[in-house]
Protein backbone atom coordinates (compact mmCIF):
# COMPACT_ATOMS: atom_id res chain seq x y z
CA MET A 1 -38.57 -20.26 8.06
CA ILE A 2 -38.32 -18.37 4.76
CA VAL A 3 -34.60 -17.80 5.23
CA ALA A 4 -34.09 -21.45 6.15
CA VAL A 5 -35.81 -22.66 2.98
CA SER A 6 -33.86 -20.17 0.91
CA TYR A 7 -30.65 -21.36 2.55
CA ARG A 8 -31.37 -25.04 1.81
CA ILE A 9 -32.04 -24.24 -1.85
CA HIS A 10 -28.97 -22.03 -1.97
CA VAL A 11 -26.77 -24.83 -0.60
CA LEU A 12 -28.24 -27.70 -2.64
CA ILE A 13 -28.28 -26.19 -6.13
CA PRO A 14 -24.65 -24.96 -6.21
CA HIS A 15 -23.36 -28.31 -4.95
CA VAL A 16 -25.26 -30.22 -7.63
CA LEU A 17 -24.11 -27.85 -10.38
CA GLN A 18 -20.53 -27.87 -9.12
CA LEU A 19 -20.24 -31.65 -8.93
CA PHE A 20 -21.77 -32.07 -12.38
CA ALA A 21 -19.49 -29.43 -13.92
CA PHE A 22 -16.41 -30.77 -12.13
CA ASP A 23 -16.99 -34.36 -13.20
CA THR A 24 -17.70 -33.33 -16.80
CA VAL A 25 -14.68 -31.05 -17.22
CA ASN A 26 -12.33 -33.32 -15.28
CA LYS A 27 -13.18 -36.29 -17.51
CA GLN A 28 -12.56 -34.22 -20.63
CA LEU A 29 -9.19 -32.92 -19.41
CA SER A 30 -7.86 -36.05 -17.70
CA PRO A 31 -5.51 -38.09 -19.93
CA LYS A 32 -6.23 -41.76 -20.51
CA PRO A 33 -3.66 -44.35 -19.40
CA GLY A 34 -0.56 -43.98 -21.54
CA GLU A 35 -1.54 -40.57 -22.90
CA GLU A 36 0.32 -37.32 -22.36
CA PRO A 37 -1.36 -34.73 -20.11
CA LYS A 38 -3.72 -32.52 -22.11
CA ILE A 39 -2.87 -29.41 -20.08
CA PRO A 40 0.28 -28.43 -18.12
CA ILE A 41 -1.59 -28.07 -14.80
CA PRO A 42 -3.67 -30.63 -12.87
CA SER A 43 -7.03 -31.22 -14.53
CA SER A 44 -8.82 -31.21 -11.17
CA LEU A 45 -7.59 -27.66 -10.54
CA VAL A 46 -9.09 -26.35 -13.80
CA ALA A 47 -12.24 -28.47 -13.44
CA GLY A 48 -12.76 -27.17 -9.91
CA ALA A 49 -12.47 -23.56 -11.05
CA CYS A 50 -14.93 -24.16 -13.91
CA ALA A 51 -17.35 -25.83 -11.50
CA GLY A 52 -17.27 -22.88 -9.12
CA VAL A 53 -17.73 -20.27 -11.84
CA SER A 54 -20.65 -22.05 -13.51
CA SER A 55 -22.58 -22.56 -10.28
CA THR A 56 -21.95 -18.98 -9.14
CA LEU A 57 -23.26 -17.44 -12.36
CA VAL A 58 -26.48 -19.46 -12.12
CA THR A 59 -27.21 -19.09 -8.40
CA TYR A 60 -25.77 -15.68 -7.47
CA PRO A 61 -29.11 -13.77 -7.38
CA LEU A 62 -30.45 -16.28 -4.84
CA GLU A 63 -27.33 -15.81 -2.74
CA LEU A 64 -27.84 -12.05 -2.72
CA VAL A 65 -31.51 -12.40 -1.80
CA LYS A 66 -30.59 -14.77 1.04
CA THR A 67 -28.16 -12.20 2.40
CA ARG A 68 -30.79 -9.45 2.20
CA LEU A 69 -33.41 -11.63 3.92
CA THR A 70 -30.97 -12.35 6.73
CA ILE A 71 -29.96 -8.73 7.30
CA GLU A 72 -33.27 -6.96 6.55
CA LYS A 73 -35.81 -9.43 7.95
CA ASN A 74 -38.71 -6.94 8.10
CA MET A 75 -38.23 -5.44 4.66
CA TYR A 76 -39.35 -8.43 2.60
CA ASP A 77 -42.21 -10.93 2.86
CA GLY A 78 -40.29 -13.76 1.22
CA VAL A 79 -37.93 -14.75 -1.56
CA VAL A 80 -40.26 -13.76 -4.40
CA ASP A 81 -41.13 -10.45 -2.72
CA ALA A 82 -37.42 -9.72 -2.25
CA PHE A 83 -36.70 -10.40 -5.92
CA VAL A 84 -39.56 -8.14 -7.06
CA LYS A 85 -38.68 -5.24 -4.74
CA ILE A 86 -34.98 -5.37 -5.63
CA LEU A 87 -35.83 -5.37 -9.34
CA GLN A 88 -38.32 -2.50 -8.98
CA LYS A 89 -36.30 -0.26 -6.68
CA GLU A 90 -32.71 -1.02 -7.61
CA GLY A 91 -32.81 -2.65 -11.04
CA PRO A 92 -31.67 -6.03 -12.41
CA ALA A 93 -27.98 -5.17 -11.95
CA GLU A 94 -28.52 -5.11 -8.18
CA LEU A 95 -29.09 -8.89 -8.21
CA TYR A 96 -25.46 -9.24 -9.25
CA ARG A 97 -23.95 -6.70 -6.86
CA GLY A 98 -20.68 -8.14 -5.60
CA LEU A 99 -20.48 -10.70 -8.41
CA ALA A 100 -16.89 -9.75 -9.27
CA PRO A 101 -15.49 -10.59 -5.82
CA SER A 102 -17.63 -13.72 -5.80
CA LEU A 103 -16.10 -14.90 -9.07
CA ILE A 104 -12.65 -13.89 -7.86
CA GLY A 105 -13.31 -15.77 -4.63
CA VAL A 106 -14.97 -18.84 -6.07
CA ILE A 107 -12.17 -19.62 -8.52
CA PRO A 108 -9.47 -20.17 -5.86
CA TYR A 109 -12.02 -21.70 -3.44
CA ALA A 110 -13.48 -24.25 -5.85
CA ALA A 111 -10.15 -24.95 -7.50
CA THR A 112 -8.49 -25.50 -4.11
CA ASN A 113 -11.40 -27.55 -2.82
CA TYR A 114 -11.58 -30.00 -5.72
CA PHE A 115 -7.82 -30.13 -6.23
CA ALA A 116 -7.28 -30.85 -2.51
CA TYR A 117 -9.98 -33.51 -2.60
CA ASP A 118 -8.54 -35.20 -5.69
CA THR A 119 -4.98 -35.01 -4.31
CA LEU A 120 -5.95 -36.36 -0.88
CA ARG A 121 -7.72 -39.30 -2.51
CA LYS A 122 -4.61 -40.11 -4.53
CA VAL A 123 -2.44 -39.85 -1.40
CA TYR A 124 -4.83 -42.14 0.48
CA ARG A 125 -4.68 -44.76 -2.27
CA LYS A 126 -0.89 -44.57 -2.38
CA VAL A 127 -0.39 -44.76 1.40
CA PHE A 128 -2.95 -47.49 2.14
CA LYS A 129 -2.56 -49.24 -1.22
CA GLU A 130 -6.33 -49.46 -1.68
CA GLU A 131 -8.13 -48.56 -4.89
CA LYS A 132 -11.59 -48.28 -3.32
CA ILE A 133 -12.20 -45.63 -0.68
CA GLY A 134 -15.02 -46.16 1.81
CA ASN A 135 -17.75 -43.69 2.72
CA ILE A 136 -16.22 -42.71 6.07
CA GLU A 137 -12.81 -42.12 4.50
CA THR A 138 -14.43 -40.06 1.73
CA LEU A 139 -16.28 -38.02 4.37
CA MET A 140 -13.01 -37.25 6.17
CA ILE A 141 -11.12 -36.45 2.96
CA GLY A 142 -13.90 -34.17 1.71
CA SER A 143 -14.12 -32.39 5.06
CA LEU A 144 -10.37 -31.79 5.13
CA ALA A 145 -10.49 -30.45 1.57
CA GLY A 146 -13.30 -28.11 2.62
CA ALA A 147 -11.31 -26.88 5.61
CA ILE A 148 -8.27 -26.14 3.44
CA SER A 149 -10.20 -24.22 0.78
CA SER A 150 -12.37 -22.32 3.30
CA SER A 151 -9.39 -21.11 5.33
CA ALA A 152 -7.38 -20.13 2.25
CA THR A 153 -10.08 -17.98 0.64
CA PHE A 154 -12.11 -16.66 3.60
CA PRO A 155 -10.98 -12.99 3.28
CA LEU A 156 -12.54 -12.86 -0.19
CA GLU A 157 -15.78 -14.23 1.27
CA VAL A 158 -15.78 -11.44 3.86
CA ALA A 159 -15.26 -8.81 1.14
CA ARG A 160 -18.05 -10.32 -0.96
CA LYS A 161 -20.54 -10.20 1.90
CA GLN A 162 -19.67 -6.60 2.67
CA MET A 163 -20.11 -5.58 -0.99
CA GLN A 164 -23.46 -7.39 -1.25
CA VAL A 165 -24.91 -5.46 1.66
CA GLY A 166 -24.06 -2.18 -0.07
CA ALA A 167 -25.32 0.98 1.62
CA LEU A 168 -27.96 -0.71 3.78
CA ASN A 169 -28.19 0.81 7.28
CA GLY A 170 -25.52 3.37 6.46
CA ARG A 171 -22.83 0.78 5.72
CA GLN A 172 -19.78 1.76 3.70
CA VAL A 173 -19.99 1.18 -0.05
CA TYR A 174 -16.86 -0.37 -1.52
CA LYS A 175 -15.65 0.36 -5.05
CA ASN A 176 -14.21 -3.11 -5.68
CA VAL A 177 -12.85 -6.15 -3.90
CA LEU A 178 -9.41 -4.61 -3.35
CA HIS A 179 -11.00 -1.52 -1.82
CA ALA A 180 -13.11 -3.73 0.44
CA LEU A 181 -10.14 -5.81 1.57
CA ALA A 182 -7.96 -2.74 2.17
CA SER A 183 -10.72 -0.92 4.10
CA ILE A 184 -11.49 -3.91 6.32
CA LEU A 185 -7.78 -4.43 6.96
CA GLU A 186 -7.33 -0.76 7.86
CA GLN A 187 -10.39 -0.53 10.11
CA GLU A 188 -10.35 -3.93 11.81
CA GLY A 189 -6.91 -5.37 11.22
CA ILE A 190 -6.06 -8.84 9.96
CA GLN A 191 -8.62 -10.38 12.32
CA GLY A 192 -11.35 -8.51 10.46
CA LEU A 193 -10.60 -10.53 7.32
CA TYR A 194 -11.15 -13.75 9.25
CA LYS A 195 -14.10 -12.72 11.38
CA GLY A 196 -16.58 -15.58 11.37
CA LEU A 197 -14.13 -18.18 10.05
CA GLY A 198 -14.93 -20.61 12.87
CA PRO A 199 -18.72 -20.70 12.33
CA SER A 200 -18.17 -20.75 8.57
CA CYS A 201 -15.94 -23.82 8.83
CA LEU A 202 -18.43 -25.52 11.16
CA LYS A 203 -21.00 -25.14 8.37
CA LEU A 204 -18.89 -25.67 5.25
CA VAL A 205 -16.46 -28.39 6.37
CA PRO A 206 -19.03 -31.11 7.18
CA ALA A 207 -21.15 -29.98 4.22
CA ALA A 208 -18.18 -30.50 1.89
CA GLY A 209 -17.50 -33.93 3.35
CA ILE A 210 -21.13 -35.03 3.07
CA SER A 211 -21.39 -33.71 -0.50
CA PHE A 212 -18.32 -35.63 -1.64
CA MET A 213 -19.44 -38.76 0.20
CA CYS A 214 -22.89 -38.68 -1.44
CA TYR A 215 -21.31 -37.86 -4.80
CA GLU A 216 -18.98 -40.87 -4.67
CA ALA A 217 -21.72 -43.18 -3.35
CA CYS A 218 -24.09 -42.18 -6.17
CA LYS A 219 -21.33 -42.63 -8.73
CA ARG A 220 -20.65 -46.17 -7.47
CA ILE A 221 -24.35 -47.06 -7.63
CA LEU A 222 -24.76 -45.68 -11.15
CA VAL A 223 -21.55 -47.32 -12.42
CA GLU A 224 -22.57 -50.68 -10.99
CA LYS A 225 -25.99 -50.41 -12.67
CA ASP A 226 -24.36 -49.56 -15.98
CA GLU A 227 -22.00 -52.51 -15.65
CA ASP A 228 -24.84 -54.89 -14.75
CA ALA A 229 -26.86 -53.69 -17.72
C-alpha cells in the first residue's frame, strides 16, 4: 500500500512538471509564423530535454525512496521513515545517489519522447489534412512516442536502477554510468541492458499516451474558456 501510494505520487508529479516545463520552453523557442527559427535544432527537442531535467531534479529523492521501499520492504515503515533513516545513516547526498545517470538518461528520453510526439502530430496533420487531432488519435500518438523513447534509452534506466541500489544485499557498487553499463554488458550480455523492457513498456507506453491525451484535452478546455471570456 505504501509503495503503491509512493508510486502514484512519483508518476503524477514528474508528468505535471514535465508538461508544464515543455509547454513553457517550447512556446518560448518556437518561431511565430513568418519568423526565422530561434535555434538551429527543433524546439520540441530542447524543450523536452529541459522538461525532463527539471522534473528529475525536483522528484529524484522520491524516486530513490520508492526504489528502496520496493527492494527493502522490511527496512522502512513508510516514505517518511525511509527519508529520515537514509538522512541519518547515509547523509543527504544518498538521496541523490545515481542522479548523474538519471540526468544522462532523462535528457535523451524526454527529448526523444516530446520530439517524437510533436513530430508524429505534425505527420498526422500532413497525412490526414486535419488541424484538430482527436483524443483517441492523441492517445495512440503519445503511446507510440513513449514506446520509441523507452526502447531507445532503456539501458540507461537499467544502469540508473543498479546505481541507486548501491551496496544493498552485497550488490556491486558502480563508479559511474559507464562502469555500470560496461559491467552489466560483461556479466549479462546485451540482454542484460534490456532486462525488463517489456514490463517497462507495458507501464510507460499507455501512461505516456494517457498523459498526452489529458494534456491536450485540458489545453483545449482552457483555450476555449479564454476565447469565450
